[in-house]
Amino acid sequence: QVQLVESGGGLVQAGGSLRLSCVASGISFSGNIMTWYRQAPGKQRELVARISGGGTTNYVDSVKGRFTISRDNGKNTMYLQMNSLKPEDTAVYYCFVVGYWGKGTLVTVSA
């Protein structure tokens, strides 16, 4: 059974940092594209960052220069380092891998 579990969310002041993790079981990360999405209250889910099996990364414009996606295939874990957080980054953050979603972790950024 495939399971993705996100962690690392919380409440932080604007300008602060958080690091999210996504740990997978029942599936290997190796070689797969891995993606972080987020969904803010009242908004559609949006892609935040993506990393290919070879390590190529892509980011939505609003987080470029502030967020960094990475992966550790040996630990079956994906990370999202979030710096210089803004109130508009407030959302539930989800990981997505080969058709599977985690349940999300809430990030709240106060002004």
PDB file of N, CA and C in Angstrom:
ATOM      1  N   GLN A   1       0.841  -1.191   0.000  1.00  0.00           N
ATOM      2  CA  GLN A   1       0.000   0.000   0.000  1.00  0.00           C
ATOM      3  C   GLN A   1       0.879   1.244   0.000  1.00  0.00           C
ATOM      4  N   VAL A   2       0.600   2.124  -0.936  1.00  0.00           N
ATOM      5  CA  VAL A   2       1.393   3.342  -1.061  1.00  0.00           C
ATOM      6  C   VAL A   2       0.912   4.376  -0.050  1.00  0.00           C
ATOM      7  N   GLN A   3       1.854   5.004   0.621  1.00  0.00           N
ATOM      8  CA  GLN A   3       1.524   6.049   1.579  1.00  0.00           C
ATOM      9  C   GLN A   3       2.558   7.154   1.481  1.00  0.00           C
ATOM     10  N   LEU A   4       2.061   8.379   1.385  1.00  0.00           N
ATOM     11  CA  LEU A   4       2.911   9.566   1.406  1.00  0.00           C
ATOM     12  C   LEU A   4       2.532  10.376   2.632  1.00  0.00           C
ATOM     13  N   VAL A   5       3.526  10.724   3.434  1.00  0.00           N
ATOM     14  CA  VAL A   5       3.249  11.445   4.668  1.00  0.00           C
ATOM     15  C   VAL A   5       4.079  12.717   4.697  1.00  0.00           C
ATOM     16  N   GLU A   6       3.380  13.847   4.703  1.00  0.00           N
ATOM     17  CA  GLU A   6       4.049  15.134   4.798  1.00  0.00           C
ATOM     18  C   GLU A   6       4.183  15.552   6.262  1.00  0.00           C
ATOM     19  N   SER A   7       5.210  16.320   6.536  1.00  0.00           N
ATOM     20  CA  SER A   7       5.404  16.872   7.874  1.00  0.00           C
ATOM     21  C   SER A   7       6.217  18.154   7.766  1.00  0.00           C
ATOM     22  N   GLY A   8       6.273  18.887   8.877  1.00  0.00           N
ATOM     23  CA  GLY A   8       7.090  20.087   8.918  1.00  0.00           C
ATOM     24  C   GLY A   8       6.330  21.387   8.849  1.00  0.00           C
ATOM     25  N   GLY A   9       5.030  21.305   8.630  1.00  0.00           N
ATOM     26  CA  GLY A   9       4.245  22.522   8.590  1.00  0.00           C
ATOM     27  C   GLY A   9       4.090  23.126   9.983  1.00  0.00           C
ATOM     28  N   GLY A  10       3.540  24.327  10.018  1.00  0.00           N
ATOM     29  CA  GLY A  10       3.325  24.992  11.285  1.00  0.00           C
ATOM     30  C   GLY A  10       3.052  26.464  11.088  1.00  0.00           C
ATOM     31  N   LEU A  11       3.098  27.178  12.196  1.00  0.00           N
ATOM     32  CA  LEU A  11       2.865  28.626  12.198  1.00  0.00           C
ATOM     33  C   LEU A  11       4.210  29.336  12.284  1.00  0.00           C
ATOM     34  N   VAL A  12       4.421  30.276  11.384  1.00  0.00           N
ATOM     35  CA  VAL A  12       5.679  31.014  11.356  1.00  0.00           C
ATOM     36  C   VAL A  12       5.384  32.462  10.991  1.00  0.00           C
ATOM     37  N   GLN A  13       6.211  33.356  11.469  1.00  0.00           N
ATOM     38  CA  GLN A  13       6.051  34.768  11.116  1.00  0.00           C
ATOM     39  C   GLN A  13       6.612  35.032   9.718  1.00  0.00           C
ATOM     40  N   ALA A  14       6.100  36.052   9.094  1.00  0.00           N
ATOM     41  CA  ALA A  14       6.613  36.449   7.785  1.00  0.00           C
ATOM     42  C   ALA A  14       8.121  36.675   7.871  1.00  0.00           C
ATOM     43  N   GLY A  15       8.814  36.172   6.857  1.00  0.00           N
ATOM     44  CA  GLY A  15      10.268  36.249   6.849  1.00  0.00           C
ATOM     45  C   GLY A  15      10.949  35.015   7.402  1.00  0.00           C
ATOM     46  N   GLY A  16      10.179  34.160   8.041  1.00  0.00           N
ATOM     47  CA  GLY A  16      10.731  32.959   8.634  1.00  0.00           C
ATOM     48  C   GLY A  16      10.895  31.823   7.641  1.00  0.00           C
ATOM     49  N   SER A  17      11.305  30.671   8.171  1.00  0.00           N
ATOM     50  CA  SER A  17      11.586  29.498   7.338  1.00  0.00           C
ATOM     51  C   SER A  17      10.937  28.251   7.914  1.00  0.00           C
ATOM     52  N   LEU A  18      10.646  27.340   7.030  1.00  0.00           N
ATOM     53  CA  LEU A  18      10.189  26.007   7.394  1.00  0.00           C
ATOM     54  C   LEU A  18      10.771  25.015   6.397  1.00  0.00           C
ATOM     55  N   ARG A  19      10.928  23.774   6.838  1.00  0.00           N
ATOM     56  CA  ARG A  19      11.313  22.720   5.912  1.00  0.00           C
ATOM     57  C   ARG A  19      10.279  21.613   5.972  1.00  0.00           C
ATOM     58  N   LEU A  20       9.660  21.364   4.846  1.00  0.00           N
ATOM     59  CA  LEU A  20       8.683  20.298   4.743  1.00  0.00           C
ATOM     60  C   LEU A  20       9.369  19.013   4.282  1.00  0.00           C
ATOM     61  N   SER A  21       8.822  17.892   4.743  1.00  0.00           N
ATOM     62  CA  SER A  21       9.302  16.580   4.317  1.00  0.00           C
ATOM     63  C   SER A  21       8.131  15.757   3.813  1.00  0.00           C
ATOM     64  N   CYS A  22       8.425  14.878   2.881  1.00  0.00           N
ATOM     65  CA  CYS A  22       7.431  13.924   2.386  1.00  0.00           C
ATOM     66  C   CYS A  22       8.115  12.564   2.344  1.00  0.00           C
ATOM     67  N   VAL A  23       7.643  11.654   3.178  1.00  0.00           N
ATOM     68  CA  VAL A  23       8.216  10.318   3.242  1.00  0.00           C
ATOM     69  C   VAL A  23       7.262   9.342   2.595  1.00  0.00           C
ATOM     70  N   ALA A  24       7.806   8.491   1.737  1.00  0.00           N
ATOM     71  CA  ALA A  24       6.984   7.531   1.018  1.00  0.00           C
ATOM     72  C   ALA A  24       7.229   6.122   1.517  1.00  0.00           C
ATOM     73  N   SER A  25       6.172   5.343   1.517  1.00  0.00           N
ATOM     74  CA  SER A  25       6.280   3.911   1.759  1.00  0.00           C
ATOM     75  C   SER A  25       5.453   3.200   0.701  1.00  0.00           C
ATOM     76  N   GLY A  26       5.887   2.014   0.319  1.00  0.00           N
ATOM     77  CA  GLY A  26       5.159   1.262  -0.683  1.00  0.00           C
ATOM     78  C   GLY A  26       5.461   1.654  -2.103  1.00  0.00           C
ATOM     79  N   ILE A  27       6.369   2.594  -2.267  1.00  0.00           N
ATOM     80  CA  ILE A  27       6.741   3.054  -3.597  1.00  0.00           C
ATOM     81  C   ILE A  27       8.148   3.617  -3.509  1.00  0.00           C
ATOM     82  N   SER A  28       8.898   3.431  -4.604  1.00  0.00           N
ATOM     83  CA  SER A  28      10.241   3.977  -4.631  1.00  0.00           C
ATOM     84  C   SER A  28      10.246   5.334  -5.316  1.00  0.00           C
ATOM     85  N   PHE A  29      10.919   6.295  -4.697  1.00  0.00           N
ATOM     86  CA  PHE A  29      11.047   7.617  -5.302  1.00  0.00           C
ATOM     87  C   PHE A  29      11.998   7.602  -6.500  1.00  0.00           C
ATOM     88  N   SER A  30      12.925   6.696  -6.484  1.00  0.00           N
ATOM     89  CA  SER A  30      14.018   6.724  -7.439  1.00  0.00           C
ATOM     90  C   SER A  30      13.515   6.767  -8.873  1.00  0.00           C
ATOM     91  N   GLY A  31      13.989   7.760  -9.628  1.00  0.00           N
ATOM     92  CA  GLY A  31      13.640   7.878 -11.033  1.00  0.00           C
ATOM     93  C   GLY A  31      12.332   8.574 -11.320  1.00  0.00           C
ATOM     94  N   ASN A  32      11.538   8.810 -10.307  1.00  0.00           N
ATOM     95  CA  ASN A  32      10.220   9.421 -10.524  1.00  0.00           C
ATOM     96  C   ASN A  32      10.251  10.931 -10.327  1.00  0.00           C
ATOM     97  N   ILE A  33       9.405  11.609 -11.081  1.00  0.00           N
ATOM     98  CA  ILE A  33       9.186  13.024 -10.852  1.00  0.00           C
ATOM     99  C   ILE A  33       8.399  13.176  -9.555  1.00  0.00           C
ATOM    100  N   MET A  34       8.829  14.106  -8.736  1.00  0.00           N
ATOM    101  CA  MET A  34       8.179  14.341  -7.457  1.00  0.00           C
ATOM    102  C   MET A  34       7.791  15.810  -7.386  1.00  0.00           C
ATOM    103  N   THR A  35       6.631  16.080  -6.832  1.00  0.00           N
ATOM    104  CA  THR A  35       6.068  17.413  -6.905  1.00  0.00           C
ATOM    105  C   THR A  35       5.471  17.843  -5.570  1.00  0.00           C
ATOM    106  N   TRP A  36       5.651  19.106  -5.249  1.00  0.00           N
ATOM    107  CA  TRP A  36       4.935  19.745  -4.143  1.00  0.00           C
ATOM    108  C   TRP A  36       3.840  20.619  -4.743  1.00  0.00           C
ATOM    109  N   TYR A  37       2.638  20.489  -4.198  1.00  0.00           N
ATOM    110  CA  TYR A  37       1.515  21.359  -4.517  1.00  0.00           C
ATOM    111  C   TYR A  37       1.087  22.063  -3.230  1.00  0.00           C
ATOM    112  N   ARG A  38       0.301  23.113  -3.417  1.00  0.00           N
ATOM    113  CA  ARG A  38      -0.322  23.751  -2.256  1.00  0.00           C
ATOM    114  C   ARG A  38      -1.713  24.237  -2.624  1.00  0.00           C
ATOM    115  N   GLN A  39      -2.537  24.341  -1.594  1.00  0.00           N
ATOM    116  CA  GLN A  39      -3.891  24.846  -1.780  1.00  0.00           C
ATOM    117  C   GLN A  39      -4.214  25.804  -0.654  1.00  0.00           C
ATOM    118  N   ALA A  40      -4.378  27.054  -1.030  1.00  0.00           N
ATOM    119  CA  ALA A  40      -4.747  28.080  -0.062  1.00  0.00           C
ATOM    120  C   ALA A  40      -6.268  28.093   0.105  1.00  0.00           C
ATOM    121  N   PRO A  41      -6.749  28.626   1.218  1.00  0.00           N
ATOM    122  CA  PRO A  41      -8.200  28.678   1.445  1.00  0.00           C
ATOM    123  C   PRO A  41      -8.920  29.389   0.302  1.00  0.00           C
ATOM    124  N   GLY A  42      -9.934  28.731  -0.245  1.00  0.00           N
ATOM    125  CA  GLY A  42     -10.731  29.331  -1.299  1.00  0.00           C
ATOM    126  C   GLY A  42     -10.079  29.370  -2.669  1.00  0.00           C
ATOM    127  N   LYS A  43      -8.919  28.726  -2.805  1.00  0.00           N
ATOM    128  CA  LYS A  43      -8.213  28.748  -4.082  1.00  0.00           C
ATOM    129  C   LYS A  43      -7.989  27.337  -4.601  1.00  0.00           C
ATOM    130  N   GLN A  44      -7.650  27.260  -5.879  1.00  0.00           N
ATOM    131  CA  GLN A  44      -7.348  25.971  -6.474  1.00  0.00           C
ATOM    132  C   GLN A  44      -5.951  25.508  -6.065  1.00  0.00           C
ATOM    133  N   ARG A  45      -5.792  24.192  -6.105  1.00  0.00           N
ATOM    134  CA  ARG A  45      -4.478  23.636  -5.823  1.00  0.00           C
ATOM    135  C   ARG A  45      -3.515  24.056  -6.934  1.00  0.00           C
ATOM    136  N   GLU A  46      -2.300  24.441  -6.552  1.00  0.00           N
ATOM    137  CA  GLU A  46      -1.319  24.870  -7.538  1.00  0.00           C
ATOM    138  C   GLU A  46       0.005  24.155  -7.330  1.00  0.00           C
ATOM    139  N   LEU A  47       0.702  23.948  -8.436  1.00  0.00           N
ATOM    140  CA  LEU A  47       2.021  23.347  -8.370  1.00  0.00           C
ATOM    141  C   LEU A  47       3.005  24.361  -7.814  1.00  0.00           C
ATOM    142  N   VAL A  48       3.802  23.940  -6.856  1.00  0.00           N
ATOM    143  CA  VAL A  48       4.790  24.818  -6.242  1.00  0.00           C
ATOM    144  C   VAL A  48       6.186  24.525  -6.776  1.00  0.00           C
ATOM    145  N   ALA A  49       6.567  23.254  -6.757  1.00  0.00           N
ATOM    146  CA  ALA A  49       7.917  22.880  -7.178  1.00  0.00           C
ATOM    147  C   ALA A  49       7.908  21.427  -7.617  1.00  0.00           C
ATOM    148  N   ARG A  50       8.821  21.127  -8.543  1.00  0.00           N
ATOM    149  CA  ARG A  50       8.900  19.781  -9.084  1.00  0.00           C
ATOM    150  C   ARG A  50      10.370  19.415  -9.244  1.00  0.00           C
ATOM    151  N   ILE A  51      10.676  18.142  -9.027  1.00  0.00           N
ATOM    152  CA  ILE A  51      12.047  17.677  -9.217  1.00  0.00           C
ATOM    153  C   ILE A  51      12.005  16.370  -9.990  1.00  0.00           C
ATOM    154  N   SER A  52      12.815  16.291 -11.026  1.00  0.00           N
ATOM    155  CA  SER A  52      12.838  15.093 -11.857  1.00  0.00           C
ATOM    156  C   SER A  52      13.708  14.018 -11.222  1.00  0.00           C
ATOM    157  N   GLY A  53      13.674  12.856 -11.841  1.00  0.00           N
ATOM    158  CA  GLY A  53      14.540  11.786 -11.359  1.00  0.00           C
ATOM    159  C   GLY A  53      16.009  12.142 -11.432  1.00  0.00           C
ATOM    160  N   GLY A  54      16.352  12.992 -12.393  1.00  0.00           N
ATOM    161  CA  GLY A  54      17.743  13.401 -12.560  1.00  0.00           C
ATOM    162  C   GLY A  54      18.122  14.629 -11.762  1.00  0.00           C
ATOM    163  N   GLY A  55      17.130  15.184 -11.045  1.00  0.00           N
ATOM    164  CA  GLY A  55      17.421  16.321 -10.186  1.00  0.00           C
ATOM    165  C   GLY A  55      17.099  17.679 -10.774  1.00  0.00           C
ATOM    166  N   THR A  56      16.537  17.721 -11.978  1.00  0.00           N
ATOM    167  CA  THR A  56      16.131  19.006 -12.543  1.00  0.00           C
ATOM    168  C   THR A  56      14.931  19.545 -11.780  1.00  0.00           C
ATOM    169  N   THR A  57      14.987  20.825 -11.469  1.00  0.00           N
ATOM    170  CA  THR A  57      13.936  21.427 -10.649  1.00  0.00           C
ATOM    171  C   THR A  57      13.194  22.529 -11.409  1.00  0.00           C
ATOM    172  N   ASN A  58      11.937  22.690 -11.054  1.00  0.00           N
ATOM    173  CA  ASN A  58      11.100  23.768 -11.581  1.00  0.00           C
ATOM    174  C   ASN A  58      10.279  24.343 -10.449  1.00  0.00           C
ATOM    175  N   TYR A  59      10.033  25.653 -10.528  1.00  0.00           N
ATOM    176  CA  TYR A  59       9.284  26.330  -9.477  1.00  0.00           C
ATOM    177  C   TYR A  59       8.246  27.270 -10.078  1.00  0.00           C
ATOM    178  N   VAL A  60       7.157  27.443  -9.362  1.00  0.00           N
ATOM    179  CA  VAL A  60       6.221  28.499  -9.734  1.00  0.00           C
ATOM    180  C   VAL A  60       6.923  29.832  -9.480  1.00  0.00           C
ATOM    181  N   ASP A  61       6.616  30.821 -10.294  1.00  0.00           N
ATOM    182  CA  ASP A  61       7.336  32.094 -10.219  1.00  0.00           C
ATOM    183  C   ASP A  61       7.291  32.717  -8.826  1.00  0.00           C
ATOM    184  N   SER A  62       6.192  32.558  -8.135  1.00  0.00           N
ATOM    185  CA  SER A  62       6.006  33.231  -6.857  1.00  0.00           C
ATOM    186  C   SER A  62       6.947  32.730  -5.759  1.00  0.00           C
ATOM    187  N   VAL A  63       7.574  31.573  -5.947  1.00  0.00           N
ATOM    188  CA  VAL A  63       8.464  31.032  -4.910  1.00  0.00           C
ATOM    189  C   VAL A  63       9.917  30.957  -5.356  1.00  0.00           C
ATOM    190  N   LYS A  64      10.196  31.309  -6.601  1.00  0.00           N
ATOM    191  CA  LYS A  64      11.570  31.240  -7.103  1.00  0.00           C
ATOM    192  C   LYS A  64      12.492  32.105  -6.257  1.00  0.00           C
ATOM    193  N   GLY A  65      13.629  31.535  -5.905  1.00  0.00           N
ATOM    194  CA  GLY A  65      14.594  32.254  -5.082  1.00  0.00           C
ATOM    195  C   GLY A  65      14.339  32.137  -3.589  1.00  0.00           C
ATOM    196  N   ARG A  66      13.179  31.590  -3.225  1.00  0.00           N
ATOM    197  CA  ARG A  66      12.846  31.455  -1.794  1.00  0.00           C
ATOM    198  C   ARG A  66      12.700  29.996  -1.374  1.00  0.00           C
ATOM    199  N   PHE A  67      12.189  29.171  -2.264  1.00  0.00           N
ATOM    200  CA  PHE A  67      11.959  27.757  -1.945  1.00  0.00           C
ATOM    201  C   PHE A  67      12.962  26.891  -2.692  1.00  0.00           C
ATOM    202  N   THR A  68      13.327  25.767  -2.070  1.00  0.00           N
ATOM    203  CA  THR A  68      14.222  24.807  -2.707  1.00  0.00           C
ATOM    204  C   THR A  68      13.681  23.401  -2.505  1.00  0.00           C
ATOM    205  N   ILE A  69      13.481  22.695  -3.600  1.00  0.00           N
ATOM    206  CA  ILE A  69      13.031  21.311  -3.541  1.00  0.00           C
ATOM    207  C   ILE A  69      14.242  20.403  -3.656  1.00  0.00           C
ATOM    208  N   SER A  70      14.214  19.307  -2.920  1.00  0.00           N
ATOM    209  CA  SER A  70      15.312  18.342  -2.984  1.00  0.00           C
ATOM    210  C   SER A  70      14.767  16.962  -2.676  1.00  0.00           C
ATOM    211  N   ARG A  71      15.611  15.963  -2.886  1.00  0.00           N
ATOM    212  CA  ARG A  71      15.175  14.598  -2.663  1.00  0.00           C
ATOM    213  C   ARG A  71      16.324  13.771  -2.128  1.00  0.00           C
ATOM    214  N   ASP A  72      15.979  12.749  -1.381  1.00  0.00           N
ATOM    215  CA  ASP A  72      16.943  11.763  -0.911  1.00  0.00           C
ATOM    216  C   ASP A  72      16.348  10.403  -1.249  1.00  0.00           C
ATOM    217  N   ASN A  73      16.784   9.852  -2.363  1.00  0.00           N
ATOM    218  CA  ASN A  73      16.202   8.586  -2.815  1.00  0.00           C
ATOM    219  C   ASN A  73      16.465   7.462  -1.829  1.00  0.00           C
ATOM    220  N   GLY A  74      17.594   7.499  -1.170  1.00  0.00           N
ATOM    221  CA  GLY A  74      17.921   6.457  -0.204  1.00  0.00           C
ATOM    222  C   GLY A  74      16.959   6.426   0.972  1.00  0.00           C
ATOM    223  N   LYS A  75      16.436   7.601   1.307  1.00  0.00           N
ATOM    224  CA  LYS A  75      15.488   7.693   2.420  1.00  0.00           C
ATOM    225  C   LYS A  75      14.049   7.765   1.928  1.00  0.00           C
ATOM    226  N   ASN A  76      13.882   7.696   0.591  1.00  0.00           N
ATOM    227  CA  ASN A  76      12.533   7.822   0.028  1.00  0.00           C
ATOM    228  C   ASN A  76      11.826   9.068   0.542  1.00  0.00           C
ATOM    229  N   THR A  77      12.558  10.157   0.550  1.00  0.00           N
ATOM    230  CA  THR A  77      12.061  11.398   1.143  1.00  0.00           C
ATOM    231  C   THR A  77      12.304  12.573   0.209  1.00  0.00           C
ATOM    232  N   MET A  78      11.325  13.449   0.167  1.00  0.00           N
ATOM    233  CA  MET A  78      11.429  14.690  -0.588  1.00  0.00           C
ATOM    234  C   MET A  78      11.287  15.843   0.391  1.00  0.00           C
ATOM    235  N   TYR A  79      11.968  16.944   0.090  1.00  0.00           N
ATOM    236  CA  TYR A  79      11.953  18.083   0.992  1.00  0.00           C
ATOM    237  C   TYR A  79      11.542  19.354   0.243  1.00  0.00           C
ATOM    238  N   LEU A  80      11.059  20.302   1.007  1.00  0.00           N
ATOM    239  CA  LEU A  80      10.837  21.642   0.470  1.00  0.00           C
ATOM    240  C   LEU A  80      11.321  22.634   1.525  1.00  0.00           C
ATOM    241  N   GLN A  81      12.448  23.238   1.261  1.00  0.00           N
ATOM    242  CA  GLN A  81      12.971  24.272   2.141  1.00  0.00           C
ATOM    243  C   GLN A  81      12.333  25.591   1.734  1.00  0.00           C
ATOM    244  N   MET A  82      11.668  26.220   2.676  1.00  0.00           N
ATOM    245  CA  MET A  82      10.934  27.450   2.397  1.00  0.00           C
ATOM    246  C   MET A  82      11.520  28.574   3.244  1.00  0.00           C
ATOM    247  N   ASN A  83      12.089  29.551   2.587  1.00  0.00           N
ATOM    248  CA  ASN A  83      12.687  30.711   3.260  1.00  0.00           C
ATOM    249  C   ASN A  83      11.925  31.972   2.887  1.00  0.00           C
ATOM    250  N   SER A  84      12.143  33.011   3.667  1.00  0.00           N
ATOM    251  CA  SER A  84      11.505  34.309   3.412  1.00  0.00           C
ATOM    252  C   SER A  84      10.010  34.148   3.184  1.00  0.00           C
ATOM    253  N   LEU A  85       9.386  33.419   4.072  1.00  0.00           N
ATOM    254  CA  LEU A  85       7.968  33.124   3.901  1.00  0.00           C
ATOM    255  C   LEU A  85       7.113  34.377   3.969  1.00  0.00           C
ATOM    256  N   LYS A  86       6.042  34.360   3.198  1.00  0.00           N
ATOM    257  CA  LYS A  86       5.111  35.469   3.129  1.00  0.00           C
ATOM    258  C   LYS A  86       3.716  34.988   3.519  1.00  0.00           C
ATOM    259  N   PRO A  87       2.848  35.883   3.970  1.00  0.00           N
ATOM    260  CA  PRO A  87       1.483  35.470   4.316  1.00  0.00           C
ATOM    261  C   PRO A  87       0.778  34.759   3.160  1.00  0.00           C
ATOM    262  N   GLU A  88       1.090  35.136   1.936  1.00  0.00           N
ATOM    263  CA  GLU A  88       0.439  34.493   0.787  1.00  0.00           C
ATOM    264  C   GLU A  88       0.939  33.070   0.539  1.00  0.00           C
ATOM    265  N   ASP A  89       1.944  32.628   1.290  1.00  0.00           N
ATOM    266  CA  ASP A  89       2.372  31.235   1.213  1.00  0.00           C
ATOM    267  C   ASP A  89       1.516  30.329   2.104  1.00  0.00           C
ATOM    268  N   THR A  90       0.633  30.917   2.869  1.00  0.00           N
ATOM    269  CA  THR A  90      -0.246  30.135   3.730  1.00  0.00           C
ATOM    270  C   THR A  90      -1.102  29.192   2.892  1.00  0.00           C
ATOM    271  N   ALA A  91      -1.019  27.905   3.216  1.00  0.00           N
ATOM    272  CA  ALA A  91      -1.737  26.890   2.438  1.00  0.00           C
ATOM    273  C   ALA A  91      -1.490  25.525   3.062  1.00  0.00           C
ATOM    274  N   VAL A  92      -2.249  24.561   2.594  1.00  0.00           N
ATOM    275  CA  VAL A  92      -1.925  23.163   2.863  1.00  0.00           C
ATOM    276  C   VAL A  92      -1.009  22.693   1.739  1.00  0.00           C
ATOM    277  N   TYR A  93       0.114  22.118   2.110  1.00  0.00           N
ATOM    278  CA  TYR A  93       1.113  21.664   1.140  1.00  0.00           C
ATOM    279  C   TYR A  93       1.030  20.143   1.022  1.00  0.00           C
ATOM    280  N   TYR A  94       0.996  19.695  -0.231  1.00  0.00           N
ATOM    281  CA  TYR A  94       0.844  18.282  -0.534  1.00  0.00           C
ATOM    282  C   TYR A  94       2.017  17.785  -1.370  1.00  0.00           C
ATOM    283  N   CYS A  95       2.408  16.539  -1.165  1.00  0.00           N
ATOM    284  CA  CYS A  95       3.344  15.925  -2.105  1.00  0.00           C
ATOM    285  C   CYS A  95       2.585  14.988  -3.019  1.00  0.00           C
ATOM    286  N   PHE A  96       3.135  14.842  -4.211  1.00  0.00           N
ATOM    287  CA  PHE A  96       2.495  14.058  -5.265  1.00  0.00           C
ATOM    288  C   PHE A  96       3.572  13.286  -5.998  1.00  0.00           C
ATOM    289  N   VAL A  97       3.363  11.965  -6.115  1.00  0.00           N
ATOM    290  CA  VAL A  97       4.313  11.102  -6.810  1.00  0.00           C
ATOM    291  C   VAL A  97       3.545  10.017  -7.537  1.00  0.00           C
ATOM    292  N   VAL A  98       3.741   9.914  -8.826  1.00  0.00           N
ATOM    293  CA  VAL A  98       3.154   8.892  -9.694  1.00  0.00           C
ATOM    294  C   VAL A  98       1.698   8.588  -9.348  1.00  0.00           C
ATOM    295  N   GLY A  99       0.905   9.642  -9.247  1.00  0.00           N
ATOM    296  CA  GLY A  99      -0.526   9.481  -9.069  1.00  0.00           C
ATOM    297  C   GLY A  99      -0.995   9.394  -7.629  1.00  0.00           C
ATOM    298  N   TYR A 100      -0.085   9.451  -6.696  1.00  0.00           N
ATOM    299  CA  TYR A 100      -0.447   9.355  -5.294  1.00  0.00           C
ATOM    300  C   TYR A 100      -0.258  10.703  -4.593  1.00  0.00           C
ATOM    301  N   TRP A 101      -1.226  10.988  -3.700  1.00  0.00           N
ATOM    302  CA  TRP A 101      -1.191  12.220  -2.921  1.00  0.00           C
ATOM    303  C   TRP A 101      -1.016  11.907  -1.442  1.00  0.00           C
ATOM    304  N   GLY A 102      -0.280  12.802  -0.757  1.00  0.00           N
ATOM    305  CA  GLY A 102      -0.304  12.761   0.685  1.00  0.00           C
ATOM    306  C   GLY A 102      -1.523  13.511   1.204  1.00  0.00           C
ATOM    307  N   LYS A 103      -1.669  13.538   2.519  1.00  0.00           N
ATOM    308  CA  LYS A 103      -2.822  14.212   3.112  1.00  0.00           C
ATOM    309  C   LYS A 103      -2.554  15.678   3.387  1.00  0.00           C
ATOM    310  N   GLY A 104      -1.317  16.092   3.262  1.00  0.00           N
ATOM    311  CA  GLY A 104      -0.972  17.497   3.375  1.00  0.00           C
ATOM    312  C   GLY A 104      -0.503  17.908   4.760  1.00  0.00           C
ATOM    313  N   THR A 105       0.203  19.030   4.769  1.00  0.00           N
ATOM    314  CA  THR A 105       0.648  19.645   6.018  1.00  0.00           C
ATOM    315  C   THR A 105       0.379  21.142   5.914  1.00  0.00           C
ATOM    316  N   LEU A 106      -0.176  21.710   6.976  1.00  0.00           N
ATOM    317  CA  LEU A 106      -0.614  23.097   6.942  1.00  0.00           C
ATOM    318  C   LEU A 106       0.533  24.034   7.284  1.00  0.00           C
ATOM    319  N   VAL A 107       0.714  25.024   6.436  1.00  0.00           N
ATOM    320  CA  VAL A 107       1.674  26.104   6.677  1.00  0.00           C
ATOM    321  C   VAL A 107       0.893  27.400   6.829  1.00  0.00           C
ATOM    322  N   THR A 108       1.108  28.060   7.946  1.00  0.00           N
ATOM    323  CA  THR A 108       0.453  29.335   8.197  1.00  0.00           C
ATOM    324  C   THR A 108       1.514  30.391   8.459  1.00  0.00           C
ATOM    325  N   VAL A 109       1.487  31.442   7.667  1.00  0.00           N
ATOM    326  CA  VAL A 109       2.461  32.518   7.796  1.00  0.00           C
ATOM    327  C   VAL A 109       1.732  33.774   8.260  1.00  0.00           C
ATOM    328  N   SER A 110       2.109  34.252   9.418  1.00  0.00           N
ATOM    329  CA  SER A 110       1.464  35.444   9.966  1.00  0.00           C
ATOM    330  C   SER A 110       2.219  36.704   9.544  1.00  0.00           C
ATOM    331  N   ALA A 111       1.456  37.784   9.417  1.00  0.00           N
ATOM    332  CA  ALA A 111       2.067  39.045   8.955  1.00  0.00           C
ATOM    333  C   ALA A 111       2.892  39.698  10.064  1.00  0.00           C
TER     334      ALA A 111
END
